[in-house]
Amino acid sequence: MPKIFLAWFVLAFSASPMAEQGCPPGQVPIGGQGAVACAPLPQTSPLPPRPTGKWIKTWGAIALGAIDSTPYYGVPTGLGSKKEAENEALARCRKVGAQGCVVKISYRNQCAAIGEPQTAGNPDPNGYVQFTSESTKQGAADTALSSCIARNPSMQCKVIYSACSEPIFEKF
């Protein structure tokens, strides 16, 4: 009897363990009707990482006014609402003493630029100032310049302002 027990003990622990129906550990049998194969155990996908905050899109605006026919601008960026950006643009325009301040452009999470017609390096009051917004600062500047040149063919044009209203990351 001890020899049978010893033989059974050696046999039981000497073979490599197999999962169901002859598959190695970590695999399960697949197939049917006599054809059997092994596949990895199904695993659940890990949960995606939890966000640590959120992006808040911001507003910018440009207001135009004048002092003795010389243009002056109010140009805030990074504000929480369109109304806030426009009010701040008007306030900044008026703060320098400009008259007739008017919001010319408002933009959200974009870049803006001003293309100004000039004569002899000074703003020309007879020209048409161009205000543009684009997804990039360079794009806004390029569009403002080309628009200014198209509207004021007999004058020189210069990009006098370009900036972006960037989103702000707010942590939870």
N, C-alpha and C. Protein backbone atom coordinates (compact mmCIF):
# COMPACT_ATOMS: atom_id res chain seq x y z
N MET A 1 0.81 -1.20 0.00
CA MET A 1 0.00 0.00 0.00
C MET A 1 0.85 1.26 0.00
N PRO A 2 1.94 1.34 0.82
CA PRO A 2 2.76 2.54 0.79
C PRO A 2 3.38 2.78 -0.58
N LYS A 3 3.69 1.69 -1.33
CA LYS A 3 4.29 1.88 -2.65
C LYS A 3 3.27 2.50 -3.61
N ILE A 4 2.04 2.09 -3.52
CA ILE A 4 1.01 2.64 -4.38
C ILE A 4 0.79 4.12 -4.04
N PHE A 5 0.74 4.43 -2.76
CA PHE A 5 0.56 5.81 -2.34
C PHE A 5 1.72 6.67 -2.81
N LEU A 6 2.94 6.15 -2.67
CA LEU A 6 4.13 6.88 -3.10
C LEU A 6 4.11 7.10 -4.61
N ALA A 7 3.71 6.09 -5.38
CA ALA A 7 3.65 6.22 -6.83
C ALA A 7 2.59 7.26 -7.22
N TRP A 8 1.45 7.19 -6.57
CA TRP A 8 0.39 8.16 -6.86
C TRP A 8 0.84 9.57 -6.51
N PHE A 9 1.50 9.75 -5.38
CA PHE A 9 1.99 11.05 -4.92
C PHE A 9 3.00 11.62 -5.92
N VAL A 10 3.96 10.82 -6.36
CA VAL A 10 4.97 11.27 -7.32
C VAL A 10 4.30 11.63 -8.65
N LEU A 11 3.39 10.81 -9.11
CA LEU A 11 2.71 11.06 -10.37
C LEU A 11 1.86 12.33 -10.31
N ALA A 12 1.18 12.55 -9.22
CA ALA A 12 0.29 13.71 -9.08
C ALA A 12 1.05 15.02 -9.08
N PHE A 13 2.21 15.05 -8.49
CA PHE A 13 2.94 16.32 -8.36
C PHE A 13 4.09 16.47 -9.35
N SER A 14 4.34 15.49 -10.20
CA SER A 14 5.44 15.62 -11.15
C SER A 14 4.96 16.17 -12.49
N ALA A 15 3.72 16.00 -12.85
CA ALA A 15 3.20 16.52 -14.12
C ALA A 15 2.91 18.01 -13.97
N SER A 16 3.11 18.75 -15.07
CA SER A 16 2.79 20.18 -14.99
C SER A 16 1.28 20.34 -14.95
N PRO A 17 0.82 21.26 -14.14
CA PRO A 17 -0.63 21.44 -14.01
C PRO A 17 -1.22 22.01 -15.29
N MET A 18 -2.41 21.58 -15.64
CA MET A 18 -3.09 22.04 -16.84
C MET A 18 -4.47 22.56 -16.43
N ALA A 19 -4.92 23.55 -17.13
CA ALA A 19 -6.26 24.08 -16.86
C ALA A 19 -7.28 23.14 -17.48
N GLU A 20 -8.46 23.62 -17.62
CA GLU A 20 -9.53 22.79 -18.17
C GLU A 20 -9.14 22.20 -19.51
N GLN A 21 -9.42 20.96 -19.71
CA GLN A 21 -9.28 20.24 -20.97
C GLN A 21 -7.90 20.40 -21.59
N GLY A 22 -6.86 20.37 -20.82
CA GLY A 22 -5.50 20.34 -21.33
C GLY A 22 -4.90 21.67 -21.71
N CYS A 23 -5.47 22.80 -21.33
CA CYS A 23 -4.88 24.11 -21.63
C CYS A 23 -3.92 24.51 -20.52
N PRO A 24 -2.83 25.19 -20.86
CA PRO A 24 -1.88 25.64 -19.82
C PRO A 24 -2.50 26.72 -18.94
N PRO A 25 -1.87 27.03 -17.81
CA PRO A 25 -2.41 28.06 -16.92
C PRO A 25 -2.55 29.40 -17.65
N GLY A 26 -3.62 30.11 -17.34
CA GLY A 26 -3.87 31.42 -17.95
C GLY A 26 -4.60 31.34 -19.26
N GLN A 27 -5.00 30.10 -19.67
CA GLN A 27 -5.71 29.94 -20.93
C GLN A 27 -6.94 29.08 -20.72
N VAL A 28 -7.91 29.23 -21.61
CA VAL A 28 -9.14 28.45 -21.55
C VAL A 28 -9.37 27.80 -22.91
N PRO A 29 -10.07 26.67 -22.91
CA PRO A 29 -10.34 26.00 -24.20
C PRO A 29 -11.38 26.77 -25.01
N ILE A 30 -11.17 26.77 -26.32
CA ILE A 30 -12.14 27.36 -27.24
C ILE A 30 -12.38 26.37 -28.37
N GLY A 31 -13.40 26.57 -29.13
CA GLY A 31 -13.70 25.68 -30.25
C GLY A 31 -14.83 24.75 -29.91
N GLY A 32 -15.08 23.84 -30.79
CA GLY A 32 -16.16 22.89 -30.56
C GLY A 32 -16.15 21.81 -31.62
N GLN A 33 -17.00 20.81 -31.48
CA GLN A 33 -17.15 19.69 -32.39
C GLN A 33 -15.81 19.01 -32.65
N GLY A 34 -15.11 18.73 -31.60
CA GLY A 34 -13.87 17.97 -31.71
C GLY A 34 -12.63 18.80 -31.92
N ALA A 35 -12.74 20.02 -32.39
CA ALA A 35 -11.58 20.89 -32.57
C ALA A 35 -11.45 21.76 -31.33
N VAL A 36 -10.35 21.60 -30.62
CA VAL A 36 -10.16 22.35 -29.39
C VAL A 36 -8.85 23.13 -29.49
N ALA A 37 -8.90 24.37 -29.09
CA ALA A 37 -7.70 25.21 -29.03
C ALA A 37 -7.72 25.95 -27.71
N CYS A 38 -6.65 26.62 -27.41
CA CYS A 38 -6.56 27.38 -26.16
C CYS A 38 -6.41 28.86 -26.49
N ALA A 39 -7.03 29.68 -25.67
CA ALA A 39 -6.94 31.13 -25.83
C ALA A 39 -6.70 31.76 -24.46
N PRO A 40 -6.10 32.95 -24.42
CA PRO A 40 -5.88 33.60 -23.12
C PRO A 40 -7.20 33.85 -22.40
N LEU A 41 -7.12 33.86 -21.08
CA LEU A 41 -8.29 34.16 -20.27
C LEU A 41 -8.78 35.57 -20.60
N PRO A 42 -10.08 35.77 -20.71
CA PRO A 42 -10.57 37.13 -20.95
C PRO A 42 -10.23 38.03 -19.77
N GLN A 43 -9.82 39.24 -20.08
CA GLN A 43 -9.46 40.18 -19.01
C GLN A 43 -10.29 41.44 -19.19
N THR A 44 -10.63 42.03 -18.09
CA THR A 44 -11.36 43.29 -18.16
C THR A 44 -10.37 44.42 -18.37
N SER A 45 -10.79 45.40 -19.14
CA SER A 45 -9.94 46.56 -19.38
C SER A 45 -9.88 47.41 -18.12
N PRO A 46 -8.71 47.96 -17.83
CA PRO A 46 -8.64 48.85 -16.67
C PRO A 46 -9.45 50.12 -16.94
N LEU A 47 -9.98 50.69 -15.92
CA LEU A 47 -10.74 51.92 -16.07
C LEU A 47 -9.83 53.04 -16.54
N PRO A 48 -10.33 53.93 -17.39
CA PRO A 48 -9.49 55.06 -17.82
C PRO A 48 -9.19 55.94 -16.61
N PRO A 49 -8.05 56.64 -16.65
CA PRO A 49 -7.72 57.50 -15.51
C PRO A 49 -8.77 58.59 -15.33
N ARG A 50 -9.03 58.92 -14.10
CA ARG A 50 -10.01 59.97 -13.80
C ARG A 50 -9.40 61.32 -14.13
N PRO A 51 -10.18 62.21 -14.71
CA PRO A 51 -9.66 63.54 -15.00
C PRO A 51 -9.33 64.27 -13.70
N THR A 52 -8.29 65.08 -13.76
CA THR A 52 -7.88 65.84 -12.57
C THR A 52 -8.41 67.27 -12.60
N GLY A 53 -9.07 67.62 -13.68
CA GLY A 53 -9.61 68.97 -13.80
C GLY A 53 -10.30 69.12 -15.13
N LYS A 54 -10.57 70.37 -15.50
CA LYS A 54 -11.22 70.63 -16.78
C LYS A 54 -10.65 71.90 -17.40
N TRP A 55 -10.75 71.97 -18.72
CA TRP A 55 -10.29 73.15 -19.45
C TRP A 55 -11.45 74.12 -19.60
N ILE A 56 -11.20 75.36 -19.27
CA ILE A 56 -12.20 76.41 -19.41
C ILE A 56 -11.77 77.31 -20.55
N LYS A 57 -12.62 77.40 -21.57
CA LYS A 57 -12.32 78.26 -22.72
C LYS A 57 -12.56 79.71 -22.33
N THR A 58 -11.68 80.59 -22.80
CA THR A 58 -11.75 82.00 -22.41
C THR A 58 -12.04 82.89 -23.62
N TRP A 59 -12.40 84.12 -23.32
CA TRP A 59 -12.79 85.10 -24.33
C TRP A 59 -11.79 86.25 -24.40
N GLY A 60 -11.72 86.83 -25.57
CA GLY A 60 -10.98 88.06 -25.78
C GLY A 60 -11.84 88.98 -26.65
N ALA A 61 -11.49 90.24 -26.69
CA ALA A 61 -12.23 91.20 -27.52
C ALA A 61 -11.30 92.35 -27.88
N ILE A 62 -11.66 93.06 -28.93
CA ILE A 62 -10.91 94.25 -29.34
C ILE A 62 -11.91 95.38 -29.57
N ALA A 63 -11.66 96.50 -28.89
CA ALA A 63 -12.48 97.70 -29.09
C ALA A 63 -11.61 98.76 -29.75
N LEU A 64 -12.22 99.57 -30.59
CA LEU A 64 -11.52 100.64 -31.31
C LEU A 64 -12.17 101.97 -30.98
N GLY A 65 -11.32 102.95 -30.68
CA GLY A 65 -11.75 104.33 -30.47
C GLY A 65 -10.70 105.24 -31.09
N ALA A 66 -10.83 106.54 -30.91
CA ALA A 66 -9.87 107.47 -31.51
C ALA A 66 -9.68 108.70 -30.63
N ILE A 67 -8.46 109.24 -30.73
CA ILE A 67 -8.14 110.55 -30.15
C ILE A 67 -7.57 111.37 -31.30
N ASP A 68 -8.27 112.44 -31.69
CA ASP A 68 -7.84 113.27 -32.82
C ASP A 68 -7.55 112.43 -34.06
N SER A 69 -8.43 111.56 -34.41
CA SER A 69 -8.37 110.66 -35.57
C SER A 69 -7.25 109.62 -35.51
N THR A 70 -6.55 109.52 -34.39
CA THR A 70 -5.55 108.45 -34.20
C THR A 70 -6.24 107.29 -33.49
N PRO A 71 -6.16 106.08 -34.07
CA PRO A 71 -6.86 104.95 -33.45
C PRO A 71 -6.20 104.49 -32.15
N TYR A 72 -7.06 104.11 -31.20
CA TYR A 72 -6.62 103.50 -29.94
C TYR A 72 -7.47 102.26 -29.70
N TYR A 73 -6.87 101.28 -29.04
CA TYR A 73 -7.53 99.99 -28.90
C TYR A 73 -7.60 99.56 -27.44
N GLY A 74 -8.61 98.77 -27.13
CA GLY A 74 -8.72 98.06 -25.86
C GLY A 74 -8.69 96.57 -26.19
N VAL A 75 -7.74 95.83 -25.60
CA VAL A 75 -7.52 94.45 -26.05
C VAL A 75 -7.33 93.45 -24.90
N PRO A 76 -8.36 93.08 -24.17
CA PRO A 76 -8.20 92.07 -23.12
C PRO A 76 -8.28 90.64 -23.68
N THR A 77 -7.67 89.69 -22.98
CA THR A 77 -7.79 88.26 -23.30
C THR A 77 -7.98 87.49 -22.00
N GLY A 78 -8.38 86.24 -22.14
CA GLY A 78 -8.45 85.34 -20.99
C GLY A 78 -9.60 85.58 -20.04
N LEU A 79 -10.70 86.12 -20.52
CA LEU A 79 -11.84 86.41 -19.65
C LEU A 79 -12.91 85.32 -19.76
N GLY A 80 -13.77 85.26 -18.74
CA GLY A 80 -14.71 84.15 -18.61
C GLY A 80 -15.94 84.18 -19.50
N SER A 81 -16.30 85.34 -20.04
CA SER A 81 -17.50 85.41 -20.88
C SER A 81 -17.30 86.46 -21.97
N LYS A 82 -18.14 86.37 -22.98
CA LYS A 82 -18.10 87.34 -24.08
C LYS A 82 -18.41 88.74 -23.56
N LYS A 83 -19.43 88.85 -22.74
CA LYS A 83 -19.84 90.15 -22.20
C LYS A 83 -18.71 90.76 -21.37
N GLU A 84 -18.06 89.93 -20.55
CA GLU A 84 -16.95 90.42 -19.72
C GLU A 84 -15.80 90.91 -20.60
N ALA A 85 -15.48 90.16 -21.66
CA ALA A 85 -14.39 90.55 -22.56
C ALA A 85 -14.73 91.86 -23.28
N GLU A 86 -15.95 91.98 -23.77
CA GLU A 86 -16.35 93.20 -24.48
C GLU A 86 -16.37 94.41 -23.55
N ASN A 87 -16.90 94.24 -22.36
CA ASN A 87 -16.91 95.36 -21.39
C ASN A 87 -15.49 95.79 -21.03
N GLU A 88 -14.60 94.83 -20.85
CA GLU A 88 -13.21 95.16 -20.51
C GLU A 88 -12.52 95.85 -21.69
N ALA A 89 -12.80 95.41 -22.91
CA ALA A 89 -12.22 96.05 -24.10
C ALA A 89 -12.66 97.51 -24.18
N LEU A 90 -13.93 97.76 -23.96
CA LEU A 90 -14.44 99.14 -23.98
C LEU A 90 -13.83 99.97 -22.86
N ALA A 91 -13.71 99.40 -21.67
CA ALA A 91 -13.13 100.12 -20.54
C ALA A 91 -11.67 100.49 -20.81
N ARG A 92 -10.91 99.56 -21.38
CA ARG A 92 -9.50 99.85 -21.68
C ARG A 92 -9.37 100.90 -22.77
N CYS A 93 -10.25 100.84 -23.75
CA CYS A 93 -10.24 101.83 -24.83
C CYS A 93 -10.51 103.22 -24.27
N ARG A 94 -11.52 103.33 -23.43
CA ARG A 94 -11.88 104.63 -22.84
C ARG A 94 -10.84 105.13 -21.85
N LYS A 95 -10.14 104.20 -21.19
CA LYS A 95 -9.17 104.57 -20.15
C LYS A 95 -8.04 105.44 -20.72
N VAL A 96 -7.68 105.23 -21.98
CA VAL A 96 -6.61 106.03 -22.59
C VAL A 96 -7.14 107.36 -23.13
N GLY A 97 -8.45 107.59 -22.97
CA GLY A 97 -9.04 108.85 -23.42
C GLY A 97 -9.65 108.80 -24.80
N ALA A 98 -9.73 107.62 -25.39
CA ALA A 98 -10.30 107.51 -26.73
C ALA A 98 -11.80 107.77 -26.71
N GLN A 99 -12.29 108.34 -27.79
CA GLN A 99 -13.72 108.65 -27.94
C GLN A 99 -14.34 107.66 -28.92
N GLY A 100 -15.63 107.42 -28.76
CA GLY A 100 -16.36 106.57 -29.70
C GLY A 100 -15.91 105.12 -29.70
N CYS A 101 -15.50 104.61 -28.56
CA CYS A 101 -15.02 103.22 -28.49
C CYS A 101 -16.15 102.24 -28.84
N VAL A 102 -15.83 101.31 -29.73
CA VAL A 102 -16.79 100.31 -30.20
C VAL A 102 -16.08 98.96 -30.26
N VAL A 103 -16.76 97.90 -29.81
CA VAL A 103 -16.20 96.55 -29.93
C VAL A 103 -16.22 96.14 -31.40
N LYS A 104 -15.06 95.75 -31.91
CA LYS A 104 -14.95 95.36 -33.32
C LYS A 104 -14.93 93.85 -33.51
N ILE A 105 -14.44 93.12 -32.50
CA ILE A 105 -14.38 91.66 -32.63
C ILE A 105 -14.33 91.05 -31.24
N SER A 106 -15.02 89.92 -31.10
CA SER A 106 -14.96 89.11 -29.88
C SER A 106 -14.57 87.70 -30.33
N TYR A 107 -13.81 87.00 -29.53
CA TYR A 107 -13.37 85.66 -29.93
C TYR A 107 -13.20 84.77 -28.70
N ARG A 108 -13.49 83.49 -28.88
CA ARG A 108 -13.43 82.52 -27.79
C ARG A 108 -12.42 81.44 -28.12
N ASN A 109 -11.43 81.28 -27.24
CA ASN A 109 -10.43 80.23 -27.38
C ASN A 109 -9.76 80.28 -28.76
N GLN A 110 -9.47 81.49 -29.22
CA GLN A 110 -8.81 81.70 -30.50
C GLN A 110 -7.77 82.80 -30.36
N CYS A 111 -7.22 83.16 -31.50
CA CYS A 111 -6.25 84.25 -31.55
C CYS A 111 -6.83 85.36 -32.44
N ALA A 112 -6.43 86.58 -32.16
CA ALA A 112 -6.92 87.72 -32.94
C ALA A 112 -5.75 88.62 -33.30
N ALA A 113 -5.95 89.41 -34.34
CA ALA A 113 -4.92 90.34 -34.78
C ALA A 113 -5.57 91.58 -35.38
N ILE A 114 -4.78 92.67 -35.38
CA ILE A 114 -5.21 93.93 -35.97
C ILE A 114 -4.24 94.27 -37.09
N GLY A 115 -4.77 94.48 -38.29
CA GLY A 115 -3.99 94.96 -39.42
C GLY A 115 -4.34 96.43 -39.63
N GLU A 116 -3.34 97.29 -39.48
CA GLU A 116 -3.60 98.73 -39.51
C GLU A 116 -2.94 99.37 -40.73
N PRO A 117 -3.70 100.16 -41.52
CA PRO A 117 -3.10 100.89 -42.63
C PRO A 117 -2.26 102.05 -42.11
N GLN A 118 -1.11 102.24 -42.74
CA GLN A 118 -0.20 103.29 -42.27
C GLN A 118 0.37 104.06 -43.45
N THR A 119 0.73 105.29 -43.13
CA THR A 119 1.44 106.15 -44.08
C THR A 119 2.63 106.72 -43.34
N ALA A 120 3.80 106.54 -43.90
CA ALA A 120 5.05 107.02 -43.29
C ALA A 120 5.20 106.49 -41.86
N GLY A 121 4.77 105.25 -41.62
CA GLY A 121 4.94 104.62 -40.31
C GLY A 121 3.94 105.03 -39.25
N ASN A 122 2.95 105.83 -39.61
CA ASN A 122 1.91 106.25 -38.66
C ASN A 122 0.54 105.76 -39.13
N PRO A 123 -0.38 105.55 -38.18
CA PRO A 123 -1.73 105.12 -38.58
C PRO A 123 -2.36 106.14 -39.53
N ASP A 124 -2.96 105.64 -40.59
CA ASP A 124 -3.62 106.52 -41.55
C ASP A 124 -5.12 106.52 -41.26
N PRO A 125 -5.68 107.66 -40.84
CA PRO A 125 -7.10 107.70 -40.48
C PRO A 125 -8.04 107.50 -41.67
N ASN A 126 -7.52 107.58 -42.89
CA ASN A 126 -8.35 107.39 -44.07
C ASN A 126 -8.44 105.92 -44.50
N GLY A 127 -7.69 105.06 -43.82
CA GLY A 127 -7.69 103.64 -44.17
C GLY A 127 -8.70 102.83 -43.38
N TYR A 128 -8.78 101.55 -43.70
CA TYR A 128 -9.71 100.64 -43.04
C TYR A 128 -8.92 99.62 -42.21
N VAL A 129 -9.04 99.74 -40.90
CA VAL A 129 -8.38 98.80 -39.98
C VAL A 129 -9.08 97.45 -40.09
N GLN A 130 -8.30 96.38 -40.08
CA GLN A 130 -8.84 95.03 -40.22
C GLN A 130 -8.65 94.23 -38.92
N PHE A 131 -9.71 93.57 -38.49
CA PHE A 131 -9.71 92.75 -37.28
C PHE A 131 -10.03 91.31 -37.68
N THR A 132 -9.20 90.37 -37.26
CA THR A 132 -9.43 88.97 -37.63
C THR A 132 -9.20 88.06 -36.44
N SER A 133 -9.82 86.88 -36.51
CA SER A 133 -9.54 85.84 -35.52
C SER A 133 -9.32 84.53 -36.27
N GLU A 134 -8.40 83.76 -35.77
CA GLU A 134 -8.03 82.46 -36.36
C GLU A 134 -7.64 81.52 -35.23
N SER A 135 -7.35 80.28 -35.58
CA SER A 135 -6.99 79.29 -34.56
C SER A 135 -5.56 79.46 -34.05
N THR A 136 -4.70 80.14 -34.83
CA THR A 136 -3.32 80.37 -34.38
C THR A 136 -2.99 81.85 -34.45
N LYS A 137 -1.99 82.24 -33.69
CA LYS A 137 -1.56 83.64 -33.66
C LYS A 137 -1.01 84.05 -35.03
N GLN A 138 -0.20 83.17 -35.62
CA GLN A 138 0.37 83.48 -36.93
C GLN A 138 -0.72 83.55 -38.00
N GLY A 139 -1.69 82.65 -37.91
CA GLY A 139 -2.81 82.67 -38.86
C GLY A 139 -3.61 83.96 -38.77
N ALA A 140 -3.87 84.41 -37.54
CA ALA A 140 -4.61 85.66 -37.35
C ALA A 140 -3.81 86.84 -37.90
N ALA A 141 -2.50 86.86 -37.64
CA ALA A 141 -1.65 87.95 -38.12
C ALA A 141 -1.60 87.96 -39.65
N ASP A 142 -1.44 86.79 -40.25
CA ASP A 142 -1.39 86.71 -41.72
C ASP A 142 -2.69 87.18 -42.35
N THR A 143 -3.81 86.76 -41.79
CA THR A 143 -5.12 87.16 -42.33
C THR A 143 -5.35 88.66 -42.16
N ALA A 144 -4.98 89.20 -40.99
CA ALA A 144 -5.15 90.64 -40.75
C ALA A 144 -4.32 91.45 -41.75
N LEU A 145 -3.10 91.02 -41.99
CA LEU A 145 -2.23 91.74 -42.92
C LEU A 145 -2.77 91.66 -44.35
N SER A 146 -3.13 90.46 -44.80
CA SER A 146 -3.62 90.34 -46.18
C SER A 146 -4.96 91.07 -46.36
N SER A 147 -5.82 91.05 -45.35
CA SER A 147 -7.09 91.79 -45.44
C SER A 147 -6.85 93.29 -45.49
N CYS A 148 -5.89 93.76 -44.71
CA CYS A 148 -5.56 95.19 -44.69
C CYS A 148 -5.02 95.63 -46.05
N ILE A 149 -4.14 94.83 -46.62
CA ILE A 149 -3.57 95.16 -47.93
C ILE A 149 -4.67 95.18 -49.00
N ALA A 150 -5.58 94.22 -48.94
CA ALA A 150 -6.67 94.16 -49.92
C ALA A 150 -7.61 95.36 -49.80
N ARG A 151 -7.90 95.81 -48.59
CA ARG A 151 -8.83 96.94 -48.38
C ARG A 151 -8.16 98.30 -48.56
N ASN A 152 -6.83 98.34 -48.44
CA ASN A 152 -6.09 99.61 -48.50
C ASN A 152 -4.92 99.47 -49.48
N PRO A 153 -5.19 99.31 -50.77
CA PRO A 153 -4.11 99.02 -51.72
C PRO A 153 -3.07 100.12 -51.88
N SER A 154 -3.41 101.35 -51.58
CA SER A 154 -2.45 102.44 -51.78
C SER A 154 -1.66 102.76 -50.50
N MET A 155 -1.87 101.99 -49.44
CA MET A 155 -1.19 102.25 -48.16
C MET A 155 -0.35 101.05 -47.74
N GLN A 156 0.56 101.32 -46.84
CA GLN A 156 1.30 100.23 -46.22
C GLN A 156 0.46 99.69 -45.08
N CYS A 157 0.57 98.40 -44.81
CA CYS A 157 -0.16 97.80 -43.70
C CYS A 157 0.81 97.13 -42.74
N LYS A 158 0.42 97.14 -41.48
CA LYS A 158 1.26 96.56 -40.44
C LYS A 158 0.37 95.86 -39.42
N VAL A 159 0.79 94.69 -38.98
CA VAL A 159 0.09 94.01 -37.89
C VAL A 159 0.58 94.65 -36.60
N ILE A 160 -0.31 95.36 -35.94
CA ILE A 160 0.09 96.10 -34.73
C ILE A 160 -0.26 95.36 -33.45
N TYR A 161 -1.04 94.29 -33.58
CA TYR A 161 -1.43 93.53 -32.38
C TYR A 161 -1.81 92.11 -32.79
N SER A 162 -1.35 91.14 -32.03
CA SER A 162 -1.83 89.76 -32.17
C SER A 162 -1.67 89.08 -30.81
N ALA A 163 -2.70 88.36 -30.42
CA ALA A 163 -2.68 87.66 -29.13
C ALA A 163 -3.72 86.54 -29.17
N CYS A 164 -3.60 85.63 -28.21
CA CYS A 164 -4.54 84.51 -28.12
C CYS A 164 -5.23 84.50 -26.77
N SER A 165 -6.45 84.06 -26.78
CA SER A 165 -7.21 83.87 -25.55
C SER A 165 -7.15 82.37 -25.25
N GLU A 166 -6.20 82.00 -24.42
CA GLU A 166 -5.90 80.59 -24.14
C GLU A 166 -6.86 80.00 -23.12
N PRO A 167 -7.12 78.68 -23.22
CA PRO A 167 -7.94 78.04 -22.20
C PRO A 167 -7.18 77.97 -20.87
N ILE A 168 -7.93 77.90 -19.79
CA ILE A 168 -7.35 77.82 -18.44
C ILE A 168 -7.71 76.46 -17.86
N PHE A 169 -6.73 75.76 -17.27
CA PHE A 169 -7.00 74.46 -16.65
C PHE A 169 -7.39 74.68 -15.20
N GLU A 170 -8.56 74.17 -14.85
CA GLU A 170 -9.06 74.30 -13.48
C GLU A 170 -9.07 72.91 -12.85
N LYS A 171 -8.28 72.73 -11.78
CA LYS A 171 -8.23 71.44 -11.10
C LYS A 171 -9.50 71.22 -10.29
N PHE A 172 -9.89 69.96 -10.18
CA PHE A 172 -11.05 69.60 -9.36
C PHE A 172 -10.69 69.66 -7.90
